[in-house]
Amino acid sequence: AFLNQKIWAERLDKAERSSFGLLISVSVFITLLFGAATYFLFPKMADKAADYIPDSLVNQISEATIFQLDSFFLDESRLPDAKQQELYEIFIKLREQADLSQDITLLYRSSTLLGANALALPGGPVVLLDDLVTLAPSNDGVAGVLAHELAHIALRHNRKTIARDGLYSLIAIMMSGGPDIAAGSEIMKNLVFSGYSREFEEEADLLARQW
């Protein structure tokens, strides 16, 4: 009765009787359903799965990523040894505050491509770039950045990112009907260049500020 009061009720009736209209309707419905699942369901599934990723796999991904970075994007640090030692002592205090493994180390690098930046790999290390140290007005500024990167590790954001990218790569493989050769490299690329979600960044900021 509600539909019959509308101008488009007759058009809807014709669409229901049309195989083409039915195909379009089903396609739109499936697209909306898949979009909703991608936005709401898949991330939650991946975050749950992240707890079951073996440490050995996380370490392999970290090692492969730092190898790729050192090969193509990063150069040796030009920071004085004294400055590196100052920052490393700050890093150790933050790592203890975060109650993280001593295996998580701090690496110094420079990069014309990545600029003033820092990043944390899933199983460590944390990579600190020269330009960020130069840009920071004091060691306190660098400490804030280091705390933020350690928070990503403590909150397992790295693992969740791996799980999400892995799930989306699996879906892409299933939809394309064949293996995606670039899936592995995409995961490593996203860890470095795509960053984290806004939700992850805000969580890391809050925890880093507490430390």
C-alpha atoms as a PDB file:
ATOM      1  CA  ALA A   1       0.000   0.000   0.000  1.00  0.00           C
ATOM      2  CA  PHE A   2       2.894   2.324   0.795  1.00  0.00           C
ATOM      3  CA  LEU A   3       4.586   1.626  -2.557  1.00  0.00           C
ATOM      4  CA  ASN A   4       1.370   2.128  -4.495  1.00  0.00           C
ATOM      5  CA  GLN A   5       1.211   5.687  -3.231  1.00  0.00           C
ATOM      6  CA  LYS A   6       4.521   6.463  -4.894  1.00  0.00           C
ATOM      7  CA  ILE A   7       5.075   7.577  -8.452  1.00  0.00           C
ATOM      8  CA  TRP A   8       7.812   5.036  -8.988  1.00  0.00           C
ATOM      9  CA  ALA A   9       5.751   2.034  -7.819  1.00  0.00           C
ATOM     10  CA  GLU A  10       4.904   1.112 -11.408  1.00  0.00           C
ATOM     11  CA  ARG A  11       8.520   1.361 -12.459  1.00  0.00           C
ATOM     12  CA  LEU A  12       9.527  -0.896  -9.564  1.00  0.00           C
ATOM     13  CA  ASP A  13       6.924  -3.419 -10.643  1.00  0.00           C
ATOM     14  CA  LYS A  14       8.328  -3.434 -14.182  1.00  0.00           C
ATOM     15  CA  ALA A  15      11.860  -3.821 -12.864  1.00  0.00           C
ATOM     16  CA  GLU A  16      10.804  -6.861 -10.850  1.00  0.00           C
ATOM     17  CA  ARG A  17       9.408  -8.473 -13.979  1.00  0.00           C
ATOM     18  CA  SER A  18      12.490  -7.666 -16.036  1.00  0.00           C
ATOM     19  CA  SER A  19      15.412 -10.100 -15.923  1.00  0.00           C
ATOM     20  CA  PHE A  20      17.761  -7.215 -16.668  1.00  0.00           C
ATOM     21  CA  GLY A  21      16.273  -5.154 -13.866  1.00  0.00           C
ATOM     22  CA  LEU A  22      16.557  -8.101 -11.526  1.00  0.00           C
ATOM     23  CA  LEU A  23      20.201  -8.569 -12.482  1.00  0.00           C
ATOM     24  CA  ILE A  24      20.940  -4.914 -11.793  1.00  0.00           C
ATOM     25  CA  SER A  25      19.123  -5.064  -8.429  1.00  0.00           C
ATOM     26  CA  VAL A  26      20.989  -8.183  -7.340  1.00  0.00           C
ATOM     27  CA  SER A  27      24.308  -6.655  -8.439  1.00  0.00           C
ATOM     28  CA  VAL A  28      23.640  -3.484  -6.465  1.00  0.00           C
ATOM     29  CA  PHE A  29      22.600  -5.509  -3.413  1.00  0.00           C
ATOM     30  CA  ILE A  30      25.720  -7.700  -3.553  1.00  0.00           C
ATOM     31  CA  THR A  31      27.930  -4.634  -4.003  1.00  0.00           C
ATOM     32  CA  LEU A  32      26.385  -2.897  -0.987  1.00  0.00           C
ATOM     33  CA  LEU A  33      26.603  -6.075   1.086  1.00  0.00           C
ATOM     34  CA  PHE A  34      30.254  -6.610   0.181  1.00  0.00           C
ATOM     35  CA  GLY A  35      31.027  -2.948   0.862  1.00  0.00           C
ATOM     36  CA  ALA A  36      29.418  -3.156   4.295  1.00  0.00           C
ATOM     37  CA  ALA A  37      31.322  -6.359   5.086  1.00  0.00           C
ATOM     38  CA  THR A  38      34.596  -4.785   3.926  1.00  0.00           C
ATOM     39  CA  TYR A  39      34.077  -1.741   6.119  1.00  0.00           C
ATOM     40  CA  PHE A  40      32.593  -3.331   9.263  1.00  0.00           C
ATOM     41  CA  LEU A  41      33.042  -7.108   9.327  1.00  0.00           C
ATOM     42  CA  PHE A  42      36.381  -7.890   7.662  1.00  0.00           C
ATOM     43  CA  PRO A  43      38.502  -5.581   9.877  1.00  0.00           C
ATOM     44  CA  LYS A  44      37.035  -7.155  13.028  1.00  0.00           C
ATOM     45  CA  MET A  45      37.669 -10.652  11.673  1.00  0.00           C
ATOM     46  CA  ALA A  46      41.246  -9.738  10.784  1.00  0.00           C
ATOM     47  CA  ASP A  47      41.886  -8.130  14.186  1.00  0.00           C
ATOM     48  CA  LYS A  48      40.794 -11.345  15.883  1.00  0.00           C
ATOM     49  CA  ALA A  49      42.997 -13.394  13.572  1.00  0.00           C
ATOM     50  CA  ALA A  50      45.980 -11.132  14.343  1.00  0.00           C
ATOM     51  CA  ASP A  51      46.307 -12.759  17.787  1.00  0.00           C
ATOM     52  CA  TYR A  52      47.059 -16.082  16.104  1.00  0.00           C
ATOM     53  CA  ILE A  53      49.802 -14.897  13.748  1.00  0.00           C
ATOM     54  CA  PRO A  54      53.000 -16.737  14.762  1.00  0.00           C
ATOM     55  CA  ASP A  55      55.855 -14.595  16.040  1.00  0.00           C
ATOM     56  CA  SER A  56      58.126 -16.312  13.527  1.00  0.00           C
ATOM     57  CA  LEU A  57      56.006 -15.016  10.638  1.00  0.00           C
ATOM     58  CA  VAL A  58      55.911 -11.507  12.114  1.00  0.00           C
ATOM     59  CA  ASN A  59      59.689 -11.519  12.446  1.00  0.00           C
ATOM     60  CA  GLN A  60      60.106 -12.749   8.868  1.00  0.00           C
ATOM     61  CA  ILE A  61      57.929  -9.929   7.566  1.00  0.00           C
ATOM     62  CA  SER A  62      59.885  -7.394   9.624  1.00  0.00           C
ATOM     63  CA  GLU A  63      63.224  -8.697   8.368  1.00  0.00           C
ATOM     64  CA  ALA A  64      62.045  -8.740   4.761  1.00  0.00           C
ATOM     65  CA  THR A  65      60.663  -5.210   5.067  1.00  0.00           C
ATOM     66  CA  ILE A  66      63.813  -3.709   6.569  1.00  0.00           C
ATOM     67  CA  PHE A  67      65.867  -5.492   3.903  1.00  0.00           C
ATOM     68  CA  GLN A  68      63.729  -3.943   1.158  1.00  0.00           C
ATOM     69  CA  LEU A  69      63.908  -0.524   2.798  1.00  0.00           C
ATOM     70  CA  ASP A  70      67.680  -0.659   3.184  1.00  0.00           C
ATOM     71  CA  SER A  71      68.047  -1.825  -0.415  1.00  0.00           C
ATOM     72  CA  PHE A  72      65.936   0.875  -2.058  1.00  0.00           C
ATOM     73  CA  PHE A  73      64.857   3.701   0.263  1.00  0.00           C
ATOM     74  CA  LEU A  74      67.168   4.097   3.258  1.00  0.00           C
ATOM     75  CA  ASP A  75      70.763   5.234   3.675  1.00  0.00           C
ATOM     76  CA  GLU A  76      73.146   5.165   6.605  1.00  0.00           C
ATOM     77  CA  SER A  77      72.511   7.707   9.350  1.00  0.00           C
ATOM     78  CA  ARG A  78      74.735  10.765   9.564  1.00  0.00           C
ATOM     79  CA  LEU A  79      73.820  11.598  13.167  1.00  0.00           C
ATOM     80  CA  PRO A  80      76.806  11.984  15.518  1.00  0.00           C
ATOM     81  CA  ASP A  81      77.431   9.007  17.786  1.00  0.00           C
ATOM     82  CA  ALA A  82      76.791  11.126  20.864  1.00  0.00           C
ATOM     83  CA  LYS A  83      73.348  12.118  19.599  1.00  0.00           C
ATOM     84  CA  GLN A  84      72.502   8.521  18.746  1.00  0.00           C
ATOM     85  CA  GLN A  85      73.475   7.454  22.267  1.00  0.00           C
ATOM     86  CA  GLU A  86      71.281  10.178  23.839  1.00  0.00           C
ATOM     87  CA  LEU A  87      68.263   9.071  21.844  1.00  0.00           C
ATOM     88  CA  TYR A  88      68.930   5.398  22.455  1.00  0.00           C
ATOM     89  CA  GLU A  89      68.872   5.949  26.235  1.00  0.00           C
ATOM     90  CA  ILE A  90      65.491   7.659  25.848  1.00  0.00           C
ATOM     91  CA  PHE A  91      64.316   4.753  23.699  1.00  0.00           C
ATOM     92  CA  ILE A  92      65.330   2.203  26.346  1.00  0.00           C
ATOM     93  CA  LYS A  93      63.356   4.045  29.058  1.00  0.00           C
ATOM     94  CA  LEU A  94      60.268   4.170  26.819  1.00  0.00           C
ATOM     95  CA  ARG A  95      60.634   0.505  25.917  1.00  0.00           C
ATOM     96  CA  GLU A  96      60.743  -0.389  29.621  1.00  0.00           C
ATOM     97  CA  GLN A  97      57.710   1.796  30.250  1.00  0.00           C
ATOM     98  CA  ALA A  98      55.907  -0.042  27.447  1.00  0.00           C
ATOM     99  CA  ASP A  99      56.977  -3.397  28.921  1.00  0.00           C
ATOM    100  CA  LEU A 100      58.175  -4.549  25.508  1.00  0.00           C
ATOM    101  CA  SER A 101      60.840  -7.094  24.654  1.00  0.00           C
ATOM    102  CA  GLN A 102      64.480  -6.044  24.640  1.00  0.00           C
ATOM    103  CA  ASP A 103      64.673  -7.574  21.161  1.00  0.00           C
ATOM    104  CA  ILE A 104      62.900  -4.471  19.867  1.00  0.00           C
ATOM    105  CA  THR A 105      65.763  -2.190  18.929  1.00  0.00           C
ATOM    106  CA  LEU A 106      66.236   1.289  17.500  1.00  0.00           C
ATOM    107  CA  LEU A 107      67.826   1.771  14.083  1.00  0.00           C
ATOM    108  CA  TYR A 108      69.104   5.083  12.719  1.00  0.00           C
ATOM    109  CA  ARG A 109      68.760   5.783   9.017  1.00  0.00           C
ATOM    110  CA  SER A 110      68.453   8.677   6.553  1.00  0.00           C
ATOM    111  CA  SER A 111      66.214   8.939   3.500  1.00  0.00           C
ATOM    112  CA  THR A 112      65.578  11.595   0.891  1.00  0.00           C
ATOM    113  CA  LEU A 113      62.304   9.864  -0.034  1.00  0.00           C
ATOM    114  CA  LEU A 114      60.753   9.353   3.413  1.00  0.00           C
ATOM    115  CA  GLY A 115      62.029  12.622   4.894  1.00  0.00           C
ATOM    116  CA  ALA A 116      61.333  13.463   8.539  1.00  0.00           C
ATOM    117  CA  ASN A 117      59.815  10.200   9.622  1.00  0.00           C
ATOM    118  CA  ALA A 118      59.921   7.192  11.919  1.00  0.00           C
ATOM    119  CA  LEU A 119      58.289   3.789  11.634  1.00  0.00           C
ATOM    120  CA  ALA A 120      57.872   0.632  13.648  1.00  0.00           C
ATOM    121  CA  LEU A 121      58.004  -2.779  12.030  1.00  0.00           C
ATOM    122  CA  PRO A 122      55.746  -5.567  13.366  1.00  0.00           C
ATOM    123  CA  GLY A 123      58.379  -7.391  15.410  1.00  0.00           C
ATOM    124  CA  GLY A 124      60.661  -4.389  15.686  1.00  0.00           C
ATOM    125  CA  PRO A 125      62.883  -2.556  15.101  1.00  0.00           C
ATOM    126  CA  VAL A 126      61.816   1.068  15.284  1.00  0.00           C
ATOM    127  CA  VAL A 127      63.491   3.074  12.514  1.00  0.00           C
ATOM    128  CA  LEU A 128      64.293   6.730  13.181  1.00  0.00           C
ATOM    129  CA  LEU A 129      65.297   8.992  10.289  1.00  0.00           C
ATOM    130  CA  ASP A 130      67.823  11.811  10.523  1.00  0.00           C
ATOM    131  CA  ASP A 131      65.535  14.523   9.165  1.00  0.00           C
ATOM    132  CA  LEU A 132      63.066  13.993  12.001  1.00  0.00           C
ATOM    133  CA  VAL A 133      65.800  14.404  14.615  1.00  0.00           C
ATOM    134  CA  THR A 134      67.000  17.572  12.865  1.00  0.00           C
ATOM    135  CA  LEU A 135      63.487  18.964  12.650  1.00  0.00           C
ATOM    136  CA  ALA A 136      62.599  18.304  16.301  1.00  0.00           C
ATOM    137  CA  PRO A 137      63.338  21.305  18.565  1.00  0.00           C
ATOM    138  CA  SER A 138      64.536  19.010  21.375  1.00  0.00           C
ATOM    139  CA  ASN A 139      64.969  15.381  22.391  1.00  0.00           C
ATOM    140  CA  ASP A 140      61.525  15.578  23.995  1.00  0.00           C
ATOM    141  CA  GLY A 141      60.010  15.910  20.549  1.00  0.00           C
ATOM    142  CA  VAL A 142      61.832  12.817  19.342  1.00  0.00           C
ATOM    143  CA  ALA A 143      60.774  10.991  22.514  1.00  0.00           C
ATOM    144  CA  GLY A 144      57.146  11.693  21.650  1.00  0.00           C
ATOM    145  CA  VAL A 145      57.614  10.144  18.220  1.00  0.00           C
ATOM    146  CA  LEU A 146      59.440   7.111  19.608  1.00  0.00           C
ATOM    147  CA  ALA A 147      56.693   6.585  22.202  1.00  0.00           C
ATOM    148  CA  HIS A 148      54.089   6.746  19.443  1.00  0.00           C
ATOM    149  CA  GLU A 149      55.887   4.097  17.375  1.00  0.00           C
ATOM    150  CA  LEU A 150      56.354   1.824  20.399  1.00  0.00           C
ATOM    151  CA  ALA A 151      52.646   2.229  21.157  1.00  0.00           C
ATOM    152  CA  HIS A 152      51.839   0.811  17.718  1.00  0.00           C
ATOM    153  CA  ILE A 153      53.837  -2.282  18.641  1.00  0.00           C
ATOM    154  CA  ALA A 154      52.359  -2.576  22.139  1.00  0.00           C
ATOM    155  CA  LEU A 155      48.818  -2.248  20.780  1.00  0.00           C
ATOM    156  CA  ARG A 156      49.582  -4.842  18.088  1.00  0.00           C
ATOM    157  CA  HIS A 157      48.583  -2.453  15.309  1.00  0.00           C
ATOM    158  CA  ASN A 158      51.312  -3.932  13.116  1.00  0.00           C
ATOM    159  CA  ARG A 159      49.889  -7.443  13.444  1.00  0.00           C
ATOM    160  CA  LYS A 160      46.384  -6.200  12.765  1.00  0.00           C
ATOM    161  CA  THR A 161      47.612  -4.427   9.638  1.00  0.00           C
ATOM    162  CA  ILE A 162      49.258  -7.636   8.438  1.00  0.00           C
ATOM    163  CA  ALA A 163      46.069  -9.599   9.116  1.00  0.00           C
ATOM    164  CA  ARG A 164      43.864  -7.052   7.334  1.00  0.00           C
ATOM    165  CA  ASP A 165      46.119  -6.853   4.281  1.00  0.00           C
ATOM    166  CA  GLY A 166      46.393 -10.626   4.229  1.00  0.00           C
ATOM    167  CA  LEU A 167      42.616 -11.034   4.332  1.00  0.00           C
ATOM    168  CA  TYR A 168      42.070  -8.490   1.561  1.00  0.00           C
ATOM    169  CA  SER A 169      44.781 -10.149  -0.541  1.00  0.00           C
ATOM    170  CA  LEU A 170      43.066 -13.516  -0.034  1.00  0.00           C
ATOM    171  CA  ILE A 171      39.736 -12.036  -1.115  1.00  0.00           C
ATOM    172  CA  ALA A 172      41.383 -10.527  -4.203  1.00  0.00           C
ATOM    173  CA  ILE A 173      42.900 -13.919  -5.067  1.00  0.00           C
ATOM    174  CA  MET A 174      39.526 -15.631  -4.671  1.00  0.00           C
ATOM    175  CA  MET A 175      37.785 -13.033  -6.828  1.00  0.00           C
ATOM    176  CA  SER A 176      40.447 -13.095  -9.546  1.00  0.00           C
ATOM    177  CA  GLY A 177      40.589 -16.877  -9.608  1.00  0.00           C
ATOM    178  CA  GLY A 178      44.375 -17.047  -9.321  1.00  0.00           C
ATOM    179  CA  PRO A 179      47.296 -16.199  -7.060  1.00  0.00           C
ATOM    180  CA  ASP A 180      48.367 -12.606  -6.831  1.00  0.00           C
ATOM    181  CA  ILE A 181      52.143 -12.474  -7.130  1.00  0.00           C
ATOM    182  CA  ALA A 182      52.280  -8.981  -5.686  1.00  0.00           C
ATOM    183  CA  ALA A 183      50.251  -9.825  -2.565  1.00  0.00           C
ATOM    184  CA  GLY A 184      53.291 -10.285  -0.338  1.00  0.00           C
ATOM    185  CA  SER A 185      55.009  -7.143  -1.498  1.00  0.00           C
ATOM    186  CA  GLU A 186      51.770  -5.189  -1.078  1.00  0.00           C
ATOM    187  CA  ILE A 187      51.641  -6.163   2.582  1.00  0.00           C
ATOM    188  CA  MET A 188      55.183  -4.886   3.132  1.00  0.00           C
ATOM    189  CA  LYS A 189      54.496  -1.726   1.150  1.00  0.00           C
ATOM    190  CA  ASN A 190      51.382  -0.926   3.168  1.00  0.00           C
ATOM    191  CA  LEU A 191      53.278  -1.388   6.426  1.00  0.00           C
ATOM    192  CA  VAL A 192      55.620   1.399   5.412  1.00  0.00           C
ATOM    193  CA  PHE A 193      53.809   3.778   3.065  1.00  0.00           C
ATOM    194  CA  SER A 194      50.086   3.480   3.748  1.00  0.00           C
ATOM    195  CA  GLY A 195      50.318   4.041   7.480  1.00  0.00           C
ATOM    196  CA  TYR A 196      47.676   3.071   9.981  1.00  0.00           C
ATOM    197  CA  SER A 197      43.993   3.856  10.229  1.00  0.00           C
ATOM    198  CA  ARG A 198      42.889   6.997  12.023  1.00  0.00           C
ATOM    199  CA  GLU A 199      41.632   4.777  14.840  1.00  0.00           C
ATOM    200  CA  PHE A 200      45.067   3.186  15.298  1.00  0.00           C
ATOM    201  CA  GLU A 201      46.819   6.555  15.207  1.00  0.00           C
ATOM    202  CA  GLU A 202      44.577   8.007  17.911  1.00  0.00           C
ATOM    203  CA  GLU A 203      45.070   4.926  20.117  1.00  0.00           C
ATOM    204  CA  ALA A 204      48.847   5.190  19.726  1.00  0.00           C
ATOM    205  CA  ASP A 205      48.763   8.919  20.541  1.00  0.00           C
ATOM    206  CA  LEU A 206      46.815   8.347  23.752  1.00  0.00           C
ATOM    207  CA  LEU A 207      49.063   5.555  25.006  1.00  0.00           C
ATOM    208  CA  ALA A 208      52.247   7.425  24.034  1.00  0.00           C
ATOM    209  CA  ARG A 209      51.072  10.481  25.969  1.00  0.00           C
ATOM    210  CA  GLN A 210      50.548   8.337  29.099  1.00  0.00           C
ATOM    211  CA  TRP A 211      54.104   7.030  28.843  1.00  0.00           C
END
